[in-house]
């Protein structure tokens, strides 16, 4: 299965394991909600000239928190990296040692899969990749997703999104 969504700048995000607008496969669902908590495969093309690094942020705007729920924050991905293998969201794998995997709203580092409240309907999971004009953001893994988002947005050249749904 392949999927794409793009921004006006030409950056395109694809996945072999997610399809836009479709249900997230159980393998990518949080292990506390019946899944295996394995991050999906993601790849991107079309980064604009001047891209010096990438960031990835995964958000559920439908979470009943007033501000949504952050599922995955990864930044300082080198400019020559254009794919995250399935399972790259586990910081212990060390698949991209230069990248930093930040805190998610489950309170852990790396990927945290879908886990909406039972009976709350489908939630939208927005996977966004950002092309950045800086090699590194001056942050570490303990900085909040909101702070990472601030620096990402201040330094972005382009972004692309892939959105899937999941409900219990």
N, C-alpha and C. Protein backbone atom coordinates (compact mmCIF):
# COMPACT_ATOMS: atom_id res chain seq x y z
N UNK A 1 0.86 -1.16 0.00
CA UNK A 1 0.00 0.00 0.00
C UNK A 1 0.90 1.22 0.00
N UNK A 2 0.61 2.20 -0.82
CA UNK A 2 1.41 3.41 -0.92
C UNK A 2 0.48 4.60 -0.76
N UNK A 3 0.97 5.67 -0.18
CA UNK A 3 0.11 6.82 0.03
C UNK A 3 0.92 8.10 -0.10
N UNK A 4 0.24 9.16 -0.49
CA UNK A 4 0.93 10.43 -0.63
C UNK A 4 0.05 11.59 -0.23
N UNK A 5 0.68 12.60 0.24
CA UNK A 5 0.09 13.89 0.47
C UNK A 5 1.23 14.88 0.26
N UNK A 6 0.95 16.05 -0.26
CA UNK A 6 2.06 16.96 -0.51
C UNK A 6 1.71 18.38 -0.12
N UNK A 7 2.74 19.20 -0.05
CA UNK A 7 2.56 20.62 0.21
C UNK A 7 2.74 21.38 -1.10
N UNK A 8 2.44 22.64 -1.07
CA UNK A 8 2.58 23.47 -2.26
C UNK A 8 4.04 23.55 -2.72
N UNK A 9 4.98 23.38 -1.81
CA UNK A 9 6.40 23.50 -2.15
C UNK A 9 6.95 22.26 -2.85
N UNK A 10 6.16 21.20 -2.98
CA UNK A 10 6.60 20.02 -3.69
C UNK A 10 7.08 18.88 -2.82
N UNK A 11 7.17 19.05 -1.53
CA UNK A 11 7.56 17.97 -0.64
C UNK A 11 6.41 16.97 -0.58
N UNK A 12 6.72 15.69 -0.74
CA UNK A 12 5.69 14.65 -0.76
C UNK A 12 6.05 13.58 0.27
N UNK A 13 5.10 13.23 1.11
CA UNK A 13 5.27 12.21 2.13
C UNK A 13 4.51 10.96 1.70
N UNK A 14 5.18 9.80 1.74
CA UNK A 14 4.55 8.54 1.35
C UNK A 14 4.79 7.49 2.43
N UNK A 15 4.02 6.41 2.35
CA UNK A 15 4.18 5.30 3.27
C UNK A 15 3.79 4.01 2.59
N UNK A 16 4.50 2.95 2.93
CA UNK A 16 4.14 1.62 2.45
C UNK A 16 3.17 0.94 3.41
N UNK A 17 2.98 1.53 4.60
CA UNK A 17 2.15 0.89 5.62
C UNK A 17 0.92 1.70 6.02
N UNK A 18 0.81 2.93 5.55
CA UNK A 18 -0.35 3.78 5.84
C UNK A 18 -0.95 4.27 4.53
N UNK A 19 -2.25 4.43 4.50
CA UNK A 19 -2.94 4.99 3.32
C UNK A 19 -3.76 6.18 3.77
N UNK A 20 -3.64 7.34 3.12
CA UNK A 20 -4.35 8.55 3.54
C UNK A 20 -5.85 8.31 3.70
N UNK A 21 -6.37 8.78 4.83
CA UNK A 21 -7.80 8.70 5.10
C UNK A 21 -8.28 7.33 5.51
N UNK A 22 -7.42 6.34 5.49
CA UNK A 22 -7.80 4.97 5.85
C UNK A 22 -7.45 4.68 7.30
N UNK A 23 -7.91 3.54 7.78
CA UNK A 23 -7.68 3.12 9.16
C UNK A 23 -6.22 2.72 9.36
N UNK A 24 -5.67 3.16 10.47
CA UNK A 24 -4.31 2.79 10.85
C UNK A 24 -4.28 1.29 11.15
N UNK A 25 -3.33 0.55 10.56
CA UNK A 25 -3.21 -0.88 10.86
C UNK A 25 -2.87 -1.11 12.34
N UNK A 26 -3.36 -2.20 12.89
CA UNK A 26 -3.17 -2.50 14.32
C UNK A 26 -1.72 -2.55 14.74
N UNK A 27 -0.81 -2.94 13.85
CA UNK A 27 0.60 -3.01 14.21
C UNK A 27 1.12 -1.64 14.67
N UNK A 28 0.51 -0.56 14.19
CA UNK A 28 0.95 0.80 14.54
C UNK A 28 0.19 1.41 15.72
N UNK A 29 -0.76 0.66 16.27
CA UNK A 29 -1.56 1.11 17.42
C UNK A 29 -0.75 0.90 18.70
N UNK A 30 -0.94 1.78 19.66
CA UNK A 30 -0.24 1.72 20.95
C UNK A 30 -0.44 0.36 21.60
N UNK A 31 0.61 -0.17 22.22
CA UNK A 31 0.50 -1.50 22.82
C UNK A 31 -0.49 -1.55 23.98
N UNK A 32 -0.79 -0.44 24.62
CA UNK A 32 -1.79 -0.41 25.68
C UNK A 32 -3.21 -0.40 25.15
N UNK A 33 -3.37 -0.36 23.85
CA UNK A 33 -4.69 -0.34 23.21
C UNK A 33 -4.84 -1.49 22.21
N UNK A 34 -4.09 -2.55 22.41
CA UNK A 34 -4.25 -3.73 21.59
C UNK A 34 -3.34 -3.82 20.37
N UNK A 35 -2.45 -2.86 20.19
CA UNK A 35 -1.54 -2.90 19.04
C UNK A 35 -0.15 -3.32 19.44
N UNK A 36 0.77 -3.16 18.48
CA UNK A 36 2.16 -3.54 18.72
C UNK A 36 3.08 -2.33 18.90
N UNK A 37 2.55 -1.12 18.71
CA UNK A 37 3.29 0.13 18.89
C UNK A 37 4.56 0.20 18.02
N UNK A 38 4.45 -0.26 16.78
CA UNK A 38 5.55 -0.18 15.82
C UNK A 38 5.30 1.02 14.91
N UNK A 39 6.26 1.91 14.82
CA UNK A 39 6.08 3.09 13.96
C UNK A 39 6.01 2.67 12.50
N UNK A 40 5.22 3.40 11.69
CA UNK A 40 5.09 3.04 10.27
C UNK A 40 6.31 3.44 9.45
N UNK A 41 6.45 2.81 8.30
CA UNK A 41 7.45 3.21 7.32
C UNK A 41 6.99 4.53 6.72
N UNK A 42 7.90 5.46 6.58
CA UNK A 42 7.61 6.76 5.96
C UNK A 42 8.78 7.13 5.04
N UNK A 43 8.48 7.77 3.93
CA UNK A 43 9.54 8.31 3.07
C UNK A 43 9.04 9.58 2.42
N UNK A 44 9.98 10.40 1.96
CA UNK A 44 9.62 11.68 1.37
C UNK A 44 10.57 12.04 0.25
N UNK A 45 10.05 12.82 -0.69
CA UNK A 45 10.82 13.33 -1.82
C UNK A 45 10.42 14.79 -2.05
N UNK A 46 11.22 15.49 -2.83
CA UNK A 46 10.86 16.86 -3.22
C UNK A 46 11.23 17.94 -2.24
N UNK A 47 12.24 17.70 -1.41
CA UNK A 47 12.66 18.74 -0.48
C UNK A 47 13.21 19.93 -1.26
N UNK A 48 12.88 21.13 -0.84
CA UNK A 48 13.36 22.31 -1.56
C UNK A 48 14.86 22.53 -1.39
N UNK A 49 15.42 23.28 -2.31
CA UNK A 49 16.83 23.65 -2.21
C UNK A 49 17.05 24.38 -0.90
N UNK A 50 18.16 24.11 -0.26
CA UNK A 50 18.48 24.74 1.01
C UNK A 50 18.07 23.92 2.21
N UNK A 51 17.47 22.75 1.99
CA UNK A 51 17.09 21.88 3.10
C UNK A 51 18.34 21.34 3.77
N UNK A 52 18.45 21.57 5.09
CA UNK A 52 19.63 21.12 5.83
C UNK A 52 19.30 20.03 6.84
N UNK A 53 18.01 19.81 7.11
CA UNK A 53 17.59 18.72 7.99
C UNK A 53 16.08 18.56 7.86
N UNK A 54 15.57 17.51 8.50
CA UNK A 54 14.12 17.25 8.52
C UNK A 54 13.66 17.06 9.96
N UNK A 55 12.37 17.26 10.16
CA UNK A 55 11.71 16.93 11.43
C UNK A 55 10.43 16.20 11.10
N UNK A 56 9.99 15.39 12.03
CA UNK A 56 8.73 14.67 11.90
C UNK A 56 7.92 14.89 13.16
N UNK A 57 6.64 15.20 12.99
CA UNK A 57 5.76 15.36 14.14
C UNK A 57 4.45 14.65 13.82
N UNK A 58 3.95 13.86 14.78
CA UNK A 58 2.70 13.14 14.61
C UNK A 58 1.75 13.56 15.72
N UNK A 59 0.56 14.03 15.31
CA UNK A 59 -0.37 14.65 16.24
C UNK A 59 -1.79 14.12 16.02
N UNK A 60 -2.53 13.97 17.10
CA UNK A 60 -3.96 13.65 17.07
C UNK A 60 -4.71 14.88 17.57
N UNK A 61 -5.30 15.68 16.66
CA UNK A 61 -6.00 16.88 17.10
C UNK A 61 -7.35 16.58 17.77
N UNK A 62 -7.83 15.34 17.68
CA UNK A 62 -9.14 14.98 18.22
C UNK A 62 -9.10 14.49 19.66
N UNK A 63 -7.92 14.33 20.22
CA UNK A 63 -7.81 13.86 21.60
C UNK A 63 -8.52 14.85 22.53
N UNK A 64 -9.26 14.34 23.51
CA UNK A 64 -10.04 15.22 24.38
C UNK A 64 -9.20 15.89 25.47
N UNK A 65 -8.20 16.66 25.03
CA UNK A 65 -7.31 17.32 25.98
C UNK A 65 -7.39 18.85 25.89
N UNK A 66 -8.00 19.35 24.83
CA UNK A 66 -8.00 20.79 24.58
C UNK A 66 -6.85 21.20 23.68
N UNK A 67 -5.82 20.34 23.56
CA UNK A 67 -4.68 20.67 22.71
C UNK A 67 -4.23 19.49 21.85
N UNK A 68 -4.99 18.42 21.83
CA UNK A 68 -4.61 17.25 21.06
C UNK A 68 -3.61 16.39 21.81
N UNK A 69 -2.99 15.46 21.06
CA UNK A 69 -2.05 14.50 21.67
C UNK A 69 -0.89 14.29 20.71
N UNK A 70 0.33 14.44 21.23
CA UNK A 70 1.53 14.23 20.42
C UNK A 70 1.96 12.78 20.53
N UNK A 71 2.08 12.12 19.37
CA UNK A 71 2.43 10.70 19.31
C UNK A 71 3.88 10.44 18.94
N UNK A 72 4.52 11.37 18.24
CA UNK A 72 5.91 11.15 17.83
C UNK A 72 6.51 12.48 17.43
N UNK A 73 7.68 12.77 17.96
CA UNK A 73 8.44 13.98 17.63
C UNK A 73 9.88 13.55 17.38
N UNK A 74 10.35 13.81 16.17
CA UNK A 74 11.73 13.45 15.80
C UNK A 74 12.32 14.62 15.02
N UNK A 75 13.52 15.04 15.36
CA UNK A 75 14.14 16.18 14.68
C UNK A 75 15.64 15.98 14.56
N UNK A 76 16.28 16.89 13.83
CA UNK A 76 17.70 16.79 13.49
C UNK A 76 17.96 15.55 12.63
N UNK A 77 16.97 15.21 11.79
CA UNK A 77 17.14 14.14 10.82
C UNK A 77 18.01 14.70 9.70
N UNK A 78 19.15 14.10 9.40
CA UNK A 78 20.05 14.65 8.37
C UNK A 78 19.37 14.82 7.02
N UNK A 79 19.81 15.81 6.26
CA UNK A 79 19.20 16.14 4.97
C UNK A 79 19.30 15.02 3.96
N UNK A 80 20.25 14.10 4.12
CA UNK A 80 20.37 13.00 3.16
C UNK A 80 19.51 11.79 3.54
N UNK A 81 18.78 11.88 4.64
CA UNK A 81 17.86 10.81 5.04
C UNK A 81 16.48 11.16 4.50
N UNK A 82 15.91 10.26 3.74
CA UNK A 82 14.58 10.49 3.15
C UNK A 82 13.62 9.35 3.44
N UNK A 83 13.99 8.49 4.38
CA UNK A 83 13.10 7.39 4.76
C UNK A 83 13.31 7.00 6.20
N UNK A 84 12.20 6.67 6.85
CA UNK A 84 12.23 6.07 8.17
C UNK A 84 11.66 4.68 8.01
N UNK A 85 12.45 3.67 8.31
CA UNK A 85 11.99 2.29 8.20
C UNK A 85 10.93 2.01 9.25
N UNK A 86 10.10 1.02 8.98
CA UNK A 86 9.13 0.60 9.98
C UNK A 86 9.90 0.24 11.25
N UNK A 87 9.44 0.74 12.38
CA UNK A 87 10.11 0.49 13.65
C UNK A 87 11.14 1.53 14.04
N UNK A 88 11.41 2.51 13.18
CA UNK A 88 12.41 3.55 13.48
C UNK A 88 12.01 4.42 14.67
N UNK A 89 10.75 4.36 15.07
CA UNK A 89 10.28 5.16 16.20
C UNK A 89 10.69 4.63 17.56
N UNK A 90 11.40 3.53 17.59
CA UNK A 90 11.94 3.00 18.83
C UNK A 90 13.37 3.54 18.95
N UNK A 91 13.60 4.47 19.88
CA UNK A 91 14.94 5.07 19.99
C UNK A 91 16.05 4.04 20.22
N UNK A 92 15.73 2.88 20.76
CA UNK A 92 16.74 1.87 21.05
C UNK A 92 17.32 1.25 19.77
N UNK A 93 16.61 1.38 18.65
CA UNK A 93 17.11 0.79 17.41
C UNK A 93 18.32 1.53 16.88
N UNK A 94 18.41 2.84 17.17
CA UNK A 94 19.54 3.64 16.71
C UNK A 94 19.65 3.73 15.21
N UNK A 95 18.51 3.61 14.50
CA UNK A 95 18.54 3.60 13.04
C UNK A 95 19.07 4.90 12.45
N UNK A 96 18.78 6.01 13.09
CA UNK A 96 19.30 7.31 12.64
C UNK A 96 19.93 7.97 13.86
N UNK A 97 21.19 7.65 14.15
CA UNK A 97 21.80 8.10 15.40
C UNK A 97 21.90 9.61 15.57
N UNK A 98 21.95 10.35 14.46
CA UNK A 98 22.05 11.82 14.57
C UNK A 98 20.73 12.46 14.98
N UNK A 99 19.63 11.79 14.72
CA UNK A 99 18.30 12.35 15.00
C UNK A 99 17.97 12.22 16.48
N UNK A 100 17.14 13.14 16.93
CA UNK A 100 16.66 13.12 18.31
C UNK A 100 15.18 12.76 18.30
N UNK A 101 14.82 11.77 19.09
CA UNK A 101 13.41 11.41 19.26
C UNK A 101 12.98 11.99 20.60
N UNK A 102 12.03 12.91 20.52
CA UNK A 102 11.58 13.61 21.71
C UNK A 102 10.45 12.89 22.44
N UNK A 103 10.00 13.56 23.49
CA UNK A 103 8.91 13.03 24.32
C UNK A 103 7.59 13.06 23.55
N UNK A 104 6.81 12.03 23.75
CA UNK A 104 5.43 12.05 23.27
C UNK A 104 4.52 12.28 24.49
N UNK A 105 3.23 12.37 24.25
CA UNK A 105 2.33 12.65 25.37
C UNK A 105 2.02 11.43 26.23
N UNK A 106 2.57 10.27 25.88
CA UNK A 106 2.51 9.11 26.77
C UNK A 106 3.59 9.23 27.84
N UNK A 107 4.52 10.19 27.65
CA UNK A 107 5.59 10.40 28.62
C UNK A 107 6.86 9.63 28.29
N UNK A 108 6.92 9.05 27.10
CA UNK A 108 8.12 8.30 26.72
C UNK A 108 8.75 8.91 25.48
N UNK A 109 9.97 8.47 25.16
CA UNK A 109 10.66 8.95 23.98
C UNK A 109 10.29 8.08 22.79
N UNK A 110 10.21 8.68 21.60
CA UNK A 110 9.94 7.92 20.39
C UNK A 110 8.47 7.84 20.07
N UNK A 111 8.12 6.82 19.30
CA UNK A 111 6.77 6.64 18.78
C UNK A 111 5.83 6.08 19.83
N UNK A 112 4.63 6.66 19.86
CA UNK A 112 3.52 6.13 20.66
C UNK A 112 2.32 6.06 19.74
N UNK A 113 1.82 4.88 19.48
CA UNK A 113 0.75 4.69 18.49
C UNK A 113 -0.61 5.22 18.91
N UNK A 114 -1.55 5.04 18.02
CA UNK A 114 -2.93 5.49 18.24
C UNK A 114 -3.53 4.80 19.46
N UNK A 115 -4.30 5.55 20.24
CA UNK A 115 -4.94 4.99 21.43
C UNK A 115 -6.07 5.92 21.88
N UNK A 116 -7.06 6.16 21.01
CA UNK A 116 -8.15 7.06 21.42
C UNK A 116 -9.04 6.40 22.47
N UNK A 117 -9.75 7.20 23.25
CA UNK A 117 -10.67 6.62 24.23
C UNK A 117 -11.72 5.75 23.54
N UNK A 118 -12.09 4.65 24.19
CA UNK A 118 -13.11 3.78 23.63
C UNK A 118 -14.42 4.55 23.47
N UNK A 119 -15.09 4.33 22.33
CA UNK A 119 -16.36 4.98 22.07
C UNK A 119 -16.27 6.44 21.67
N UNK A 120 -15.07 6.94 21.44
CA UNK A 120 -14.86 8.36 21.11
C UNK A 120 -14.89 8.61 19.61
N UNK A 121 -15.10 7.56 18.82
CA UNK A 121 -15.13 7.72 17.37
C UNK A 121 -13.73 7.73 16.78
N UNK A 122 -13.68 7.92 15.48
CA UNK A 122 -12.40 7.96 14.79
C UNK A 122 -11.64 9.23 15.12
N UNK A 123 -10.36 9.08 15.38
CA UNK A 123 -9.45 10.21 15.56
C UNK A 123 -8.58 10.29 14.31
N UNK A 124 -8.09 11.49 14.03
CA UNK A 124 -7.23 11.74 12.87
C UNK A 124 -5.78 11.84 13.35
N UNK A 125 -4.93 11.04 12.71
CA UNK A 125 -3.50 11.02 13.07
C UNK A 125 -2.73 11.67 11.92
N UNK A 126 -2.16 12.84 12.21
CA UNK A 126 -1.49 13.65 11.20
C UNK A 126 0.01 13.46 11.30
N UNK A 127 0.56 12.78 10.30
CA UNK A 127 2.01 12.58 10.18
C UNK A 127 2.52 13.71 9.31
N UNK A 128 3.42 14.54 9.85
CA UNK A 128 3.95 15.68 9.09
C UNK A 128 5.47 15.62 9.09
N UNK A 129 6.03 15.78 7.88
CA UNK A 129 7.47 15.90 7.74
C UNK A 129 7.76 17.34 7.33
N UNK A 130 8.81 17.89 7.89
CA UNK A 130 9.19 19.28 7.64
C UNK A 130 10.61 19.33 7.10
N UNK A 131 10.82 20.06 6.02
CA UNK A 131 12.15 20.38 5.51
C UNK A 131 12.59 21.65 6.22
N UNK A 132 13.77 21.62 6.84
CA UNK A 132 14.23 22.75 7.64
C UNK A 132 15.47 23.40 7.05
N UNK A 133 15.63 24.69 7.31
CA UNK A 133 16.77 25.46 6.79
C UNK A 133 17.97 25.44 7.72
N UNK A 134 17.91 24.67 8.79
CA UNK A 134 19.02 24.55 9.74
C UNK A 134 19.39 23.08 9.90
N UNK A 135 20.67 22.82 10.19
CA UNK A 135 21.11 21.43 10.37
C UNK A 135 20.61 20.84 11.67
N UNK A 136 20.50 21.67 12.70
CA UNK A 136 20.06 21.18 14.00
C UNK A 136 19.21 22.21 14.69
N UNK A 137 18.22 21.73 15.42
CA UNK A 137 17.45 22.59 16.30
C UNK A 137 18.13 22.57 17.66
N UNK A 138 18.17 23.71 18.37
CA UNK A 138 18.88 23.79 19.65
C UNK A 138 18.04 23.21 20.79
N UNK A 139 17.67 21.93 20.64
CA UNK A 139 16.77 21.27 21.58
C UNK A 139 17.31 19.90 21.93
N UNK A 140 16.70 19.28 22.95
CA UNK A 140 17.04 17.90 23.26
C UNK A 140 15.76 17.09 23.43
N UNK A 141 15.93 15.81 23.77
CA UNK A 141 14.78 14.90 23.82
C UNK A 141 13.77 15.25 24.90
N UNK A 142 14.13 16.06 25.87
CA UNK A 142 13.20 16.38 26.94
C UNK A 142 12.38 17.64 26.68
N UNK A 143 12.67 18.36 25.60
CA UNK A 143 11.87 19.54 25.27
C UNK A 143 10.47 19.11 24.85
N UNK A 144 9.50 19.92 25.20
CA UNK A 144 8.10 19.59 24.92
C UNK A 144 7.82 19.60 23.42
N UNK A 145 6.83 18.83 22.98
CA UNK A 145 6.44 18.89 21.57
C UNK A 145 6.06 20.31 21.12
N UNK A 146 5.47 21.09 21.99
CA UNK A 146 5.11 22.47 21.64
C UNK A 146 6.36 23.30 21.36
N UNK A 147 7.39 23.12 22.16
CA UNK A 147 8.64 23.86 21.95
C UNK A 147 9.31 23.40 20.66
N UNK A 148 9.32 22.10 20.41
CA UNK A 148 9.87 21.58 19.16
C UNK A 148 9.09 22.17 17.98
N UNK A 149 7.76 22.18 18.09
CA UNK A 149 6.92 22.74 17.03
C UNK A 149 7.23 24.21 16.77
N UNK A 150 7.52 24.97 17.81
CA UNK A 150 7.87 26.37 17.64
C UNK A 150 9.14 26.51 16.79
N UNK A 151 10.17 25.75 17.13
CA UNK A 151 11.43 25.82 16.38
C UNK A 151 11.28 25.26 14.97
N UNK A 152 10.50 24.20 14.82
CA UNK A 152 10.26 23.64 13.50
C UNK A 152 9.59 24.68 12.61
N UNK A 153 8.53 25.29 13.10
CA UNK A 153 7.81 26.28 12.29
C UNK A 153 8.64 27.52 12.00
N UNK A 154 9.54 27.89 12.90
CA UNK A 154 10.40 29.06 12.68
C UNK A 154 11.47 28.78 11.62
N UNK A 155 11.75 27.49 11.35
CA UNK A 155 12.84 27.12 10.43
C UNK A 155 12.39 26.31 9.23
N UNK A 156 11.10 26.16 9.01
CA UNK A 156 10.64 25.27 7.94
C UNK A 156 10.68 25.95 6.57
N UNK A 157 11.08 25.14 5.59
CA UNK A 157 11.06 25.54 4.19
C UNK A 157 9.83 24.95 3.50
N UNK A 158 9.41 23.76 3.95
CA UNK A 158 8.26 23.08 3.36
C UNK A 158 7.78 22.02 4.34
N UNK A 159 6.54 21.58 4.14
CA UNK A 159 6.01 20.48 4.94
C UNK A 159 5.08 19.64 4.08
N UNK A 160 4.93 18.40 4.47
CA UNK A 160 3.99 17.49 3.81
C UNK A 160 3.30 16.68 4.89
N UNK A 161 2.07 16.32 4.63
CA UNK A 161 1.27 15.62 5.62
C UNK A 161 0.63 14.37 5.05
N UNK A 162 0.53 13.36 5.87
CA UNK A 162 -0.23 12.14 5.59
C UNK A 162 -1.12 11.91 6.81
N UNK A 163 -2.43 11.75 6.58
CA UNK A 163 -3.37 11.61 7.69
C UNK A 163 -4.11 10.29 7.59
N UNK A 164 -4.18 9.58 8.71
CA UNK A 164 -4.95 8.35 8.79
C UNK A 164 -5.91 8.46 9.98
N UNK A 165 -6.81 7.49 10.10
CA UNK A 165 -7.78 7.51 11.19
C UNK A 165 -7.70 6.21 11.99
N UNK A 166 -8.17 6.31 13.23
CA UNK A 166 -8.28 5.11 14.07
C UNK A 166 -9.26 5.41 15.17
N UNK A 167 -10.13 4.45 15.47
CA UNK A 167 -11.08 4.56 16.56
C UNK A 167 -11.26 3.21 17.21
N UNK A 168 -11.74 3.25 18.47
CA UNK A 168 -12.01 1.99 19.20
C UNK A 168 -13.44 1.99 19.68
